[in-house]
All heavy atoms as atom14 arrays in JSON, in Angstrom:
{
  "sequence": "FIALMYHGRDTGAYELPEDELAHFIAARTQMMRLGDSTPININLADGQ",
  "atom14_mask": [
    [1, 1, 1, 1, 1, 1, 1, 1, 1, 1, 1, 0, 0, 0],
    [1, 1, 1, 1, 1, 1, 1, 1, 0, 0, 0, 0, 0, 0],
    [1, 1, 1, 1, 1, 0, 0, 0, 0, 0, 0, 0, 0, 0],
    [1, 1, 1, 1, 1, 1, 1, 1, 0, 0, 0, 0, 0, 0],
    [1, 1, 1, 1, 1, 1, 1, 1, 0, 0, 0, 0, 0, 0],
    [1, 1, 1, 1, 1, 1, 1, 1, 1, 1, 1, 1, 0, 0],
    [1, 1, 1, 1, 1, 1, 1, 1, 1, 1, 0, 0, 0, 0],
    [1, 1, 1, 1, 0, 0, 0, 0, 0, 0, 0, 0, 0, 0],
    [1, 1, 1, 1, 1, 1, 1, 1, 1, 1, 1, 0, 0, 0],
    [1, 1, 1, 1, 1, 1, 1, 1, 0, 0, 0, 0, 0, 0],
    [1, 1, 1, 1, 1, 1, 1, 0, 0, 0, 0, 0, 0, 0],
    [1, 1, 1, 1, 0, 0, 0, 0, 0, 0, 0, 0, 0, 0],
    [1, 1, 1, 1, 1, 0, 0, 0, 0, 0, 0, 0, 0, 0],
    [1, 1, 1, 1, 1, 1, 1, 1, 1, 1, 1, 1, 0, 0],
    [1, 1, 1, 1, 1, 1, 1, 1, 1, 0, 0, 0, 0, 0],
    [1, 1, 1, 1, 1, 1, 1, 1, 0, 0, 0, 0, 0, 0],
    [1, 1, 1, 1, 1, 1, 1, 0, 0, 0, 0, 0, 0, 0],
    [1, 1, 1, 1, 1, 1, 1, 1, 1, 0, 0, 0, 0, 0],
    [1, 1, 1, 1, 1, 1, 1, 1, 0, 0, 0, 0, 0, 0],
    [1, 1, 1, 1, 1, 1, 1, 1, 1, 0, 0, 0, 0, 0],
    [1, 1, 1, 1, 1, 1, 1, 1, 0, 0, 0, 0, 0, 0],
    [1, 1, 1, 1, 1, 0, 0, 0, 0, 0, 0, 0, 0, 0],
    [1, 1, 1, 1, 1, 1, 1, 1, 1, 1, 0, 0, 0, 0],
    [1, 1, 1, 1, 1, 1, 1, 1, 1, 1, 1, 0, 0, 0],
    [1, 1, 1, 1, 1, 1, 1, 1, 0, 0, 0, 0, 0, 0],
    [1, 1, 1, 1, 1, 0, 0, 0, 0, 0, 0, 0, 0, 0],
    [1, 1, 1, 1, 1, 0, 0, 0, 0, 0, 0, 0, 0, 0],
    [1, 1, 1, 1, 1, 1, 1, 1, 1, 1, 1, 0, 0, 0],
    [1, 1, 1, 1, 1, 1, 1, 0, 0, 0, 0, 0, 0, 0],
    [1, 1, 1, 1, 1, 1, 1, 1, 1, 0, 0, 0, 0, 0],
    [1, 1, 1, 1, 1, 1, 1, 1, 0, 0, 0, 0, 0, 0],
    [1, 1, 1, 1, 1, 1, 1, 1, 0, 0, 0, 0, 0, 0],
    [1, 1, 1, 1, 1, 1, 1, 1, 1, 1, 1, 0, 0, 0],
    [1, 1, 1, 1, 1, 1, 1, 1, 0, 0, 0, 0, 0, 0],
    [1, 1, 1, 1, 0, 0, 0, 0, 0, 0, 0, 0, 0, 0],
    [1, 1, 1, 1, 1, 1, 1, 1, 0, 0, 0, 0, 0, 0],
    [1, 1, 1, 1, 1, 1, 0, 0, 0, 0, 0, 0, 0, 0],
    [1, 1, 1, 1, 1, 1, 1, 0, 0, 0, 0, 0, 0, 0],
    [1, 1, 1, 1, 1, 1, 1, 0, 0, 0, 0, 0, 0, 0],
    [1, 1, 1, 1, 1, 1, 1, 1, 0, 0, 0, 0, 0, 0],
    [1, 1, 1, 1, 1, 1, 1, 1, 0, 0, 0, 0, 0, 0],
    [1, 1, 1, 1, 1, 1, 1, 1, 0, 0, 0, 0, 0, 0],
    [1, 1, 1, 1, 1, 1, 1, 1, 0, 0, 0, 0, 0, 0],
    [1, 1, 1, 1, 1, 1, 1, 1, 0, 0, 0, 0, 0, 0],
    [1, 1, 1, 1, 1, 0, 0, 0, 0, 0, 0, 0, 0, 0],
    [1, 1, 1, 1, 1, 1, 1, 1, 0, 0, 0, 0, 0, 0],
    [1, 1, 1, 1, 0, 0, 0, 0, 0, 0, 0, 0, 0, 0],
    [1, 1, 1, 1, 1, 1, 1, 1, 1, 0, 0, 0, 0, 0]
  ],
  "atom14_positions": [
    [[-15.84, 11.67, -5.21], [-15.04, 10.57, -4.65], [-15.89, 9.64, -3.78], [-15.73, 8.42, -3.83], [-13.89, 11.16, -3.82], [-13.07, 10.12, -3.09], [-12.17, 9.34, -3.78], [-13.22, 9.94, -1.72], [-11.4, 8.37, -3.12], [-12.46, 8.98, -1.06], [-11.56, 8.21, -1.75], [0.0, 0.0, 0.0], [0.0, 0.0, 0.0], [0.0, 0.0, 0.0]],
    [[-16.78, 10.22, -3.0], [-17.59, 9.39, -2.12], [-18.46, 8.42, -2.92], [-18.71, 7.29, -2.5], [-18.47, 10.28, -1.19], [-19.11, 9.44, -0.09], [-19.5, 11.03, -2.0], [-18.14, 8.86, 0.88], [0.0, 0.0, 0.0], [0.0, 0.0, 0.0], [0.0, 0.0, 0.0], [0.0, 0.0, 0.0], [0.0, 0.0, 0.0], [0.0, 0.0, 0.0]],
    [[-18.89, 8.83, -4.13], [-19.69, 7.95, -4.98], [-18.85, 6.76, -5.45], [-19.36, 5.64, -5.58], [-20.25, 8.71, -6.16], [0.0, 0.0, 0.0], [0.0, 0.0, 0.0], [0.0, 0.0, 0.0], [0.0, 0.0, 0.0], [0.0, 0.0, 0.0], [0.0, 0.0, 0.0], [0.0, 0.0, 0.0], [0.0, 0.0, 0.0], [0.0, 0.0, 0.0]],
    [[-17.57, 6.99, -5.7], [-16.68, 5.89, -6.1], [-16.51, 4.91, -4.95], [-16.49, 3.68, -5.16], [-15.32, 6.44, -6.51], [-15.31, 7.37, -7.73], [-13.89, 7.88, -7.98], [-15.85, 6.66, -8.97], [0.0, 0.0, 0.0], [0.0, 0.0, 0.0], [0.0, 0.0, 0.0], [0.0, 0.0, 0.0], [0.0, 0.0, 0.0], [0.0, 0.0, 0.0]],
    [[-16.4, 5.43, -3.73], [-16.28, 4.55, -2.56], [-17.56, 3.72, -2.37], [-17.49, 2.51, -2.11], [-16.0, 5.38, -1.31], [-14.69, 6.15, -1.35], [-13.23, 5.07, -1.39], [-13.37, 4.26, 0.2], [0.0, 0.0, 0.0], [0.0, 0.0, 0.0], [0.0, 0.0, 0.0], [0.0, 0.0, 0.0], [0.0, 0.0, 0.0], [0.0, 0.0, 0.0]],
    [[-18.71, 4.35, -2.5], [-19.97, 3.63, -2.34], [-20.16, 2.6, -3.45], [-20.74, 1.53, -3.22], [-21.15, 4.61, -2.31], [-21.27, 5.37, -1.01], [-21.76, 6.68, -0.99], [-20.9, 4.79, 0.2], [-21.87, 7.38, 0.19], [-21.01, 5.49, 1.39], [-21.48, 6.78, 1.38], [-21.59, 7.47, 2.57], [0.0, 0.0, 0.0], [0.0, 0.0, 0.0]],
    [[-19.68, 2.92, -4.64], [-19.77, 1.94, -5.74], [-18.96, 0.7, -5.39], [-19.43, -0.44, -5.59], [-19.25, 2.55, -7.03], [-19.13, 1.56, -8.14], [-20.22, 1.12, -8.88], [-18.04, 0.88, -8.64], [-19.81, 0.23, -9.77], [-18.5, 0.07, -9.65], [0.0, 0.0, 0.0], [0.0, 0.0, 0.0], [0.0, 0.0, 0.0], [0.0, 0.0, 0.0]],
    [[-17.75, 0.89, -4.85], [-16.95, -0.25, -4.44], [-17.62, -1.06, -3.34], [-17.55, -2.3, -3.33], [0.0, 0.0, 0.0], [0.0, 0.0, 0.0], [0.0, 0.0, 0.0], [0.0, 0.0, 0.0], [0.0, 0.0, 0.0], [0.0, 0.0, 0.0], [0.0, 0.0, 0.0], [0.0, 0.0, 0.0], [0.0, 0.0, 0.0], [0.0, 0.0, 0.0]],
    [[-18.28, -0.35, -2.43], [-19.01, -1.06, -1.37], [-20.19, -1.85, -1.93], [-20.38, -3.04, -1.59], [-19.52, -0.04, -0.34], [-20.33, -0.65, 0.8], [-21.21, 0.39, 1.46], [-22.24, 0.9, 0.54], [-23.11, 1.85, 0.85], [-23.07, 2.41, 2.05], [-24.01, 2.23, -0.02], [0.0, 0.0, 0.0], [0.0, 0.0, 0.0], [0.0, 0.0, 0.0]],
    [[-20.96, -1.22, -2.8], [-22.16, -1.87, -3.32], [-21.85, -3.06, -4.22], [-22.66, -3.99, -4.32], [-23.01, -0.85, -4.09], [-23.53, 0.28, -3.2], [-23.57, 0.07, -1.96], [-23.88, 1.34, -3.73], [0.0, 0.0, 0.0], [0.0, 0.0, 0.0], [0.0, 0.0, 0.0], [0.0, 0.0, 0.0], [0.0, 0.0, 0.0], [0.0, 0.0, 0.0]],
    [[-20.7, -3.03, -4.88], [-20.33, -4.14, -5.76], [-19.51, -5.2, -5.05], [-19.08, -6.17, -5.67], [-19.53, -3.62, -6.97], [-18.37, -2.91, -6.5], [-20.39, -2.71, -7.83], [0.0, 0.0, 0.0], [0.0, 0.0, 0.0], [0.0, 0.0, 0.0], [0.0, 0.0, 0.0], [0.0, 0.0, 0.0], [0.0, 0.0, 0.0], [0.0, 0.0, 0.0]],
    [[-19.28, -5.01, -3.73], [-18.52, -6.0, -2.97], [-17.06, -6.06, -3.37], [-16.44, -7.14, -3.34], [0.0, 0.0, 0.0], [0.0, 0.0, 0.0], [0.0, 0.0, 0.0], [0.0, 0.0, 0.0], [0.0, 0.0, 0.0], [0.0, 0.0, 0.0], [0.0, 0.0, 0.0], [0.0, 0.0, 0.0], [0.0, 0.0, 0.0], [0.0, 0.0, 0.0]],
    [[-16.48, -4.91, -3.73], [-15.1, -4.9, -4.21], [-14.09, -5.08, -3.09], [-13.01, -5.61, -3.32], [-14.82, -3.59, -4.95], [0.0, 0.0, 0.0], [0.0, 0.0, 0.0], [0.0, 0.0, 0.0], [0.0, 0.0, 0.0], [0.0, 0.0, 0.0], [0.0, 0.0, 0.0], [0.0, 0.0, 0.0], [0.0, 0.0, 0.0], [0.0, 0.0, 0.0]],
    [[-14.42, -4.66, -1.87], [-13.46, -4.66, -0.78], [-13.51, -5.97, 0.0], [-14.58, -6.53, 0.26], [-13.71, -3.49, 0.17], [-13.72, -2.15, -0.52], [-14.9, -1.4, -0.62], [-12.56, -1.63, -1.07], [-14.91, -0.17, -1.26], [-12.56, -0.4, -1.71], [-13.74, 0.33, -1.8], [-13.75, 1.54, -2.44], [0.0, 0.0, 0.0], [0.0, 0.0, 0.0]],
    [[-12.34, -6.42, 0.42], [-12.25, -7.63, 1.25], [-12.36, -7.21, 2.71], [-11.41, -7.24, 3.48], [-10.9, -8.32, 0.99], [-10.79, -9.71, 1.61], [-9.41, -10.3, 1.43], [-8.45, -9.8, 2.08], [-9.25, -11.23, 0.65], [0.0, 0.0, 0.0], [0.0, 0.0, 0.0], [0.0, 0.0, 0.0], [0.0, 0.0, 0.0], [0.0, 0.0, 0.0]],
    [[-13.57, -6.8, 3.09], [-13.82, -6.32, 4.43], [-15.18, -6.81, 4.91], [-16.12, -6.95, 4.1], [-13.83, -4.78, 4.48], [-12.48, -4.05, 4.45], [-12.71, -2.56, 4.32], [-11.67, -4.35, 5.7], [0.0, 0.0, 0.0], [0.0, 0.0, 0.0], [0.0, 0.0, 0.0], [0.0, 0.0, 0.0], [0.0, 0.0, 0.0], [0.0, 0.0, 0.0]],
    [[-15.32, -7.08, 6.21], [-16.65, -7.4, 6.74], [-17.59, -6.21, 6.54], [-17.16, -5.06, 6.52], [-16.39, -7.65, 8.24], [-14.93, -7.95, 8.33], [-14.27, -7.16, 7.23], [0.0, 0.0, 0.0], [0.0, 0.0, 0.0], [0.0, 0.0, 0.0], [0.0, 0.0, 0.0], [0.0, 0.0, 0.0], [0.0, 0.0, 0.0], [0.0, 0.0, 0.0]],
    [[-18.84, -6.49, 6.38], [-19.81, -5.44, 6.09], [-19.86, -4.38, 7.18], [-20.06, -3.19, 6.9], [-21.19, -6.06, 5.89], [-22.23, -5.08, 5.4], [-23.54, -5.77, 5.05], [-23.55, -7.02, 5.0], [-24.53, -5.05, 4.84], [0.0, 0.0, 0.0], [0.0, 0.0, 0.0], [0.0, 0.0, 0.0], [0.0, 0.0, 0.0], [0.0, 0.0, 0.0]],
    [[-19.66, -4.79, 8.46], [-19.76, -3.82, 9.54], [-18.54, -2.9, 9.62], [-18.54, -1.91, 10.36], [-19.94, -4.54, 10.88], [-18.82, -5.54, 11.18], [-17.98, -5.78, 10.28], [-18.78, -6.09, 12.3], [0.0, 0.0, 0.0], [0.0, 0.0, 0.0], [0.0, 0.0, 0.0], [0.0, 0.0, 0.0], [0.0, 0.0, 0.0], [0.0, 0.0, 0.0]],
    [[-17.49, -3.17, 8.86], [-16.31, -2.31, 8.85], [-16.26, -1.37, 7.65], [-15.4, -0.48, 7.58], [-15.03, -3.16, 8.86], [-14.86, -4.01, 10.11], [-13.56, -4.81, 10.08], [-12.71, -4.49, 9.23], [-13.41, -5.73, 10.89], [0.0, 0.0, 0.0], [0.0, 0.0, 0.0], [0.0, 0.0, 0.0], [0.0, 0.0, 0.0], [0.0, 0.0, 0.0]],
    [[-17.17, -1.55, 6.72], [-17.11, -0.77, 5.48], [-17.36, 0.72, 5.72], [-16.7, 1.56, 5.11], [-18.13, -1.31, 4.48], [-17.74, -2.59, 3.75], [-18.9, -3.11, 2.93], [-16.52, -2.35, 2.87], [0.0, 0.0, 0.0], [0.0, 0.0, 0.0], [0.0, 0.0, 0.0], [0.0, 0.0, 0.0], [0.0, 0.0, 0.0], [0.0, 0.0, 0.0]],
    [[-18.32, 1.04, 6.6], [-18.63, 2.45, 6.85], [-17.41, 3.18, 7.41], [-17.08, 4.29, 6.98], [-19.81, 2.56, 7.8], [0.0, 0.0, 0.0], [0.0, 0.0, 0.0], [0.0, 0.0, 0.0], [0.0, 0.0, 0.0], [0.0, 0.0, 0.0], [0.0, 0.0, 0.0], [0.0, 0.0, 0.0], [0.0, 0.0, 0.0], [0.0, 0.0, 0.0]],
    [[-16.72, 2.55, 8.38], [-15.53, 3.17, 8.95], [-14.43, 3.28, 7.9], [-13.71, 4.3, 7.83], [-15.03, 2.35, 10.14], [-13.72, 2.85, 10.69], [-13.61, 4.0, 11.42], [-12.45, 2.33, 10.57], [-12.34, 4.19, 11.73], [-11.61, 3.19, 11.25], [0.0, 0.0, 0.0], [0.0, 0.0, 0.0], [0.0, 0.0, 0.0], [0.0, 0.0, 0.0]],
    [[-14.28, 2.27, 7.07], [-13.26, 2.27, 6.03], [-13.5, 3.43, 5.05], [-12.57, 4.17, 4.7], [-13.28, 0.93, 5.29], [-12.43, 0.89, 4.06], [-11.07, 0.73, 4.15], [-13.0, 1.03, 2.8], [-10.27, 0.7, 3.01], [-12.22, 0.99, 1.66], [-10.85, 0.83, 1.76], [0.0, 0.0, 0.0], [0.0, 0.0, 0.0], [0.0, 0.0, 0.0]],
    [[-14.74, 3.6, 4.61], [-15.06, 4.67, 3.65], [-14.84, 6.04, 4.28], [-14.27, 6.95, 3.66], [-16.51, 4.51, 3.16], [-16.63, 3.25, 2.31], [-16.95, 5.74, 2.38], [-18.05, 2.94, 1.87], [0.0, 0.0, 0.0], [0.0, 0.0, 0.0], [0.0, 0.0, 0.0], [0.0, 0.0, 0.0], [0.0, 0.0, 0.0], [0.0, 0.0, 0.0]],
    [[-15.25, 6.19, 5.55], [-15.07, 7.47, 6.24], [-13.59, 7.81, 6.39], [-13.17, 8.96, 6.19], [-15.75, 7.44, 7.6], [0.0, 0.0, 0.0], [0.0, 0.0, 0.0], [0.0, 0.0, 0.0], [0.0, 0.0, 0.0], [0.0, 0.0, 0.0], [0.0, 0.0, 0.0], [0.0, 0.0, 0.0], [0.0, 0.0, 0.0], [0.0, 0.0, 0.0]],
    [[-12.78, 6.81, 6.73], [-11.35, 7.04, 6.92], [-10.67, 7.41, 5.61], [-9.83, 8.32, 5.55], [-10.7, 5.8, 7.53], [0.0, 0.0, 0.0], [0.0, 0.0, 0.0], [0.0, 0.0, 0.0], [0.0, 0.0, 0.0], [0.0, 0.0, 0.0], [0.0, 0.0, 0.0], [0.0, 0.0, 0.0], [0.0, 0.0, 0.0], [0.0, 0.0, 0.0]],
    [[-11.03, 6.7, 4.53], [-10.41, 7.0, 3.24], [-10.82, 8.39, 2.75], [-10.01, 9.11, 2.2], [-10.82, 5.96, 2.2], [-10.41, 4.53, 2.45], [-8.93, 4.3, 2.43], [-8.26, 4.75, 3.64], [-8.31, 4.13, 4.82], [-9.01, 3.03, 4.97], [-7.64, 4.61, 5.86], [0.0, 0.0, 0.0], [0.0, 0.0, 0.0], [0.0, 0.0, 0.0]],
    [[-12.07, 8.76, 2.98], [-12.54, 10.08, 2.56], [-11.83, 11.18, 3.34], [-11.45, 12.21, 2.77], [-14.06, 10.19, 2.76], [-14.72, 9.14, 2.02], [-14.58, 11.53, 2.29], [0.0, 0.0, 0.0], [0.0, 0.0, 0.0], [0.0, 0.0, 0.0], [0.0, 0.0, 0.0], [0.0, 0.0, 0.0], [0.0, 0.0, 0.0], [0.0, 0.0, 0.0]],
    [[-11.64, 10.96, 4.64], [-10.94, 11.95, 5.46], [-9.48, 12.11, 5.01], [-8.97, 13.23, 4.91], [-10.99, 11.53, 6.94], [-10.34, 12.5, 7.9], [-11.09, 13.83, 7.99], [-12.2, 13.96, 7.47], [-10.49, 14.81, 8.64], [0.0, 0.0, 0.0], [0.0, 0.0, 0.0], [0.0, 0.0, 0.0], [0.0, 0.0, 0.0], [0.0, 0.0, 0.0]],
    [[-8.82, 10.99, 4.7], [-7.45, 11.06, 4.2], [-7.37, 11.86, 2.91], [-6.46, 12.67, 2.71], [-6.91, 9.65, 3.97], [-6.56, 8.88, 5.22], [-5.82, 7.27, 4.82], [-4.31, 7.77, 3.99], [0.0, 0.0, 0.0], [0.0, 0.0, 0.0], [0.0, 0.0, 0.0], [0.0, 0.0, 0.0], [0.0, 0.0, 0.0], [0.0, 0.0, 0.0]],
    [[-8.33, 11.61, 2.03], [-8.34, 12.31, 0.75], [-8.54, 13.81, 0.95], [-7.84, 14.63, 0.35], [-9.44, 11.73, -0.15], [-9.57, 12.38, -1.51], [-10.6, 13.88, -1.52], [-12.16, 13.22, -0.94], [0.0, 0.0, 0.0], [0.0, 0.0, 0.0], [0.0, 0.0, 0.0], [0.0, 0.0, 0.0], [0.0, 0.0, 0.0], [0.0, 0.0, 0.0]],
    [[-9.47, 14.2, 1.8], [-9.75, 15.61, 2.01], [-8.56, 16.33, 2.64], [-8.29, 17.5, 2.33], [-10.99, 15.79, 2.88], [-12.28, 15.34, 2.21], [-13.51, 15.71, 3.03], [-14.74, 15.28, 2.38], [-15.35, 15.95, 1.42], [-14.84, 17.09, 0.99], [-16.47, 15.49, 0.89], [0.0, 0.0, 0.0], [0.0, 0.0, 0.0], [0.0, 0.0, 0.0]],
    [[-7.83, 15.65, 3.51], [-6.66, 16.25, 4.16], [-5.44, 16.23, 3.25], [-4.44, 16.88, 3.56], [-6.35, 15.5, 5.46], [-7.39, 15.6, 6.58], [-6.99, 14.74, 7.77], [-7.56, 17.06, 7.02], [0.0, 0.0, 0.0], [0.0, 0.0, 0.0], [0.0, 0.0, 0.0], [0.0, 0.0, 0.0], [0.0, 0.0, 0.0], [0.0, 0.0, 0.0]],
    [[-5.51, 15.47, 2.17], [-4.34, 15.34, 1.32], [-3.26, 14.49, 1.95], [-2.06, 14.66, 1.66], [0.0, 0.0, 0.0], [0.0, 0.0, 0.0], [0.0, 0.0, 0.0], [0.0, 0.0, 0.0], [0.0, 0.0, 0.0], [0.0, 0.0, 0.0], [0.0, 0.0, 0.0], [0.0, 0.0, 0.0], [0.0, 0.0, 0.0], [0.0, 0.0, 0.0]],
    [[-3.65, 13.58, 2.83], [-2.71, 12.7, 3.53], [-2.07, 11.75, 2.51], [-2.75, 10.96, 1.86], [-3.45, 11.91, 4.6], [-2.51, 11.13, 5.51], [-1.32, 10.99, 5.15], [-2.97, 10.66, 6.56], [0.0, 0.0, 0.0], [0.0, 0.0, 0.0], [0.0, 0.0, 0.0], [0.0, 0.0, 0.0], [0.0, 0.0, 0.0], [0.0, 0.0, 0.0]],
    [[-0.76, 11.83, 2.37], [-0.05, 11.02, 1.38], [0.44, 9.69, 1.93], [1.18, 8.97, 1.24], [1.13, 11.8, 0.81], [2.04, 12.15, 1.85], [0.0, 0.0, 0.0], [0.0, 0.0, 0.0], [0.0, 0.0, 0.0], [0.0, 0.0, 0.0], [0.0, 0.0, 0.0], [0.0, 0.0, 0.0], [0.0, 0.0, 0.0], [0.0, 0.0, 0.0]],
    [[0.05, 9.36, 3.15], [0.47, 8.08, 3.72], [-0.12, 6.93, 2.92], [-1.35, 6.83, 2.8], [0.01, 7.96, 5.18], [0.51, 9.08, 5.92], [0.52, 6.66, 5.8], [0.0, 0.0, 0.0], [0.0, 0.0, 0.0], [0.0, 0.0, 0.0], [0.0, 0.0, 0.0], [0.0, 0.0, 0.0], [0.0, 0.0, 0.0], [0.0, 0.0, 0.0]],
    [[0.71, 6.05, 2.34], [0.15, 4.95, 1.54], [-0.48, 3.88, 2.43], [0.02, 3.6, 3.52], [1.38, 4.41, 0.8], [2.54, 4.77, 1.67], [2.18, 6.06, 2.34], [0.0, 0.0, 0.0], [0.0, 0.0, 0.0], [0.0, 0.0, 0.0], [0.0, 0.0, 0.0], [0.0, 0.0, 0.0], [0.0, 0.0, 0.0], [0.0, 0.0, 0.0]],
    [[-1.57, 3.34, 1.96], [-2.22, 2.23, 2.67], [-2.54, 1.14, 1.66], [-2.66, 1.4, 0.46], [-3.52, 2.67, 3.37], [-4.53, 3.15, 2.33], [-3.26, 3.74, 4.41], [-5.91, 3.34, 2.89], [0.0, 0.0, 0.0], [0.0, 0.0, 0.0], [0.0, 0.0, 0.0], [0.0, 0.0, 0.0], [0.0, 0.0, 0.0], [0.0, 0.0, 0.0]],
    [[-2.64, -0.08, 2.13], [-3.0, -1.2, 1.27], [-4.49, -1.47, 1.35], [-5.07, -1.47, 2.44], [-2.23, -2.46, 1.68], [-0.75, -2.34, 1.38], [-0.34, -1.55, 0.54], [0.06, -3.11, 2.09], [0.0, 0.0, 0.0], [0.0, 0.0, 0.0], [0.0, 0.0, 0.0], [0.0, 0.0, 0.0], [0.0, 0.0, 0.0], [0.0, 0.0, 0.0]],
    [[-5.09, -1.67, 0.2], [-6.51, -1.99, 0.12], [-6.64, -3.4, -0.45], [-6.2, -3.67, -1.57], [-7.25, -0.99, -0.79], [-7.15, 0.43, -0.22], [-8.72, -1.39, -0.95], [-7.8, 1.49, -1.11], [0.0, 0.0, 0.0], [0.0, 0.0, 0.0], [0.0, 0.0, 0.0], [0.0, 0.0, 0.0], [0.0, 0.0, 0.0], [0.0, 0.0, 0.0]],
    [[-7.23, -4.29, 0.34], [-7.45, -5.66, -0.11], [-8.78, -5.75, -0.84], [-9.82, -5.33, -0.31], [-7.45, -6.63, 1.08], [-6.1, -6.67, 1.77], [-5.07, -6.37, 1.18], [-6.11, -7.05, 3.04], [0.0, 0.0, 0.0], [0.0, 0.0, 0.0], [0.0, 0.0, 0.0], [0.0, 0.0, 0.0], [0.0, 0.0, 0.0], [0.0, 0.0, 0.0]],
    [[-8.76, -6.26, -2.05], [-9.98, -6.45, -2.81], [-10.51, -7.86, -2.63], [-9.76, -8.8, -2.32], [-9.71, -6.17, -4.3], [-9.2, -4.77, -4.64], [-9.08, -4.6, -6.15], [-10.1, -3.69, -4.06], [0.0, 0.0, 0.0], [0.0, 0.0, 0.0], [0.0, 0.0, 0.0], [0.0, 0.0, 0.0], [0.0, 0.0, 0.0], [0.0, 0.0, 0.0]],
    [[-11.79, -8.0, -2.87], [-12.44, -9.29, -2.66], [-11.92, -10.36, -3.6], [-12.0, -11.55, -3.29], [-13.95, -9.13, -2.82], [0.0, 0.0, 0.0], [0.0, 0.0, 0.0], [0.0, 0.0, 0.0], [0.0, 0.0, 0.0], [0.0, 0.0, 0.0], [0.0, 0.0, 0.0], [0.0, 0.0, 0.0], [0.0, 0.0, 0.0], [0.0, 0.0, 0.0]],
    [[-11.39, -9.98, -4.76], [-10.89, -10.98, -5.7], [-9.45, -11.39, -5.42], [-8.84, -12.11, -6.21], [-11.02, -10.47, -7.14], [-10.2, -9.2, -7.4], [-9.47, -8.76, -6.48], [-10.27, -8.66, -8.52], [0.0, 0.0, 0.0], [0.0, 0.0, 0.0], [0.0, 0.0, 0.0], [0.0, 0.0, 0.0], [0.0, 0.0, 0.0], [0.0, 0.0, 0.0]],
    [[-8.89, -10.93, -4.3], [-7.55, -11.33, -3.92], [-6.47, -10.33, -4.25], [-5.34, -10.46, -3.77], [0.0, 0.0, 0.0], [0.0, 0.0, 0.0], [0.0, 0.0, 0.0], [0.0, 0.0, 0.0], [0.0, 0.0, 0.0], [0.0, 0.0, 0.0], [0.0, 0.0, 0.0], [0.0, 0.0, 0.0], [0.0, 0.0, 0.0], [0.0, 0.0, 0.0]],
    [[-6.76, -9.34, -5.04], [-5.75, -8.35, -5.38], [-5.55, -7.38, -4.21], [-6.45, -7.15, -3.41], [-6.17, -7.57, -6.62], [-6.3, -8.42, -7.87], [-6.55, -7.57, -9.09], [-5.63, -7.11, -9.73], [-7.81, -7.36, -9.41], [0.0, 0.0, 0.0], [0.0, 0.0, 0.0], [0.0, 0.0, 0.0], [0.0, 0.0, 0.0], [0.0, 0.0, 0.0]]
  ]
}
């Protein structure tokens, strides 16, 4: 999973400032490991 997150970071998929990407990836990874089912919205760079 972490490789998928880094791929999104490296390809500029996320609509986030570069200095926030590390925290974003860490938070999403922690949610996944805990099985947290709380839905969150992810803004992509292409507007989706």
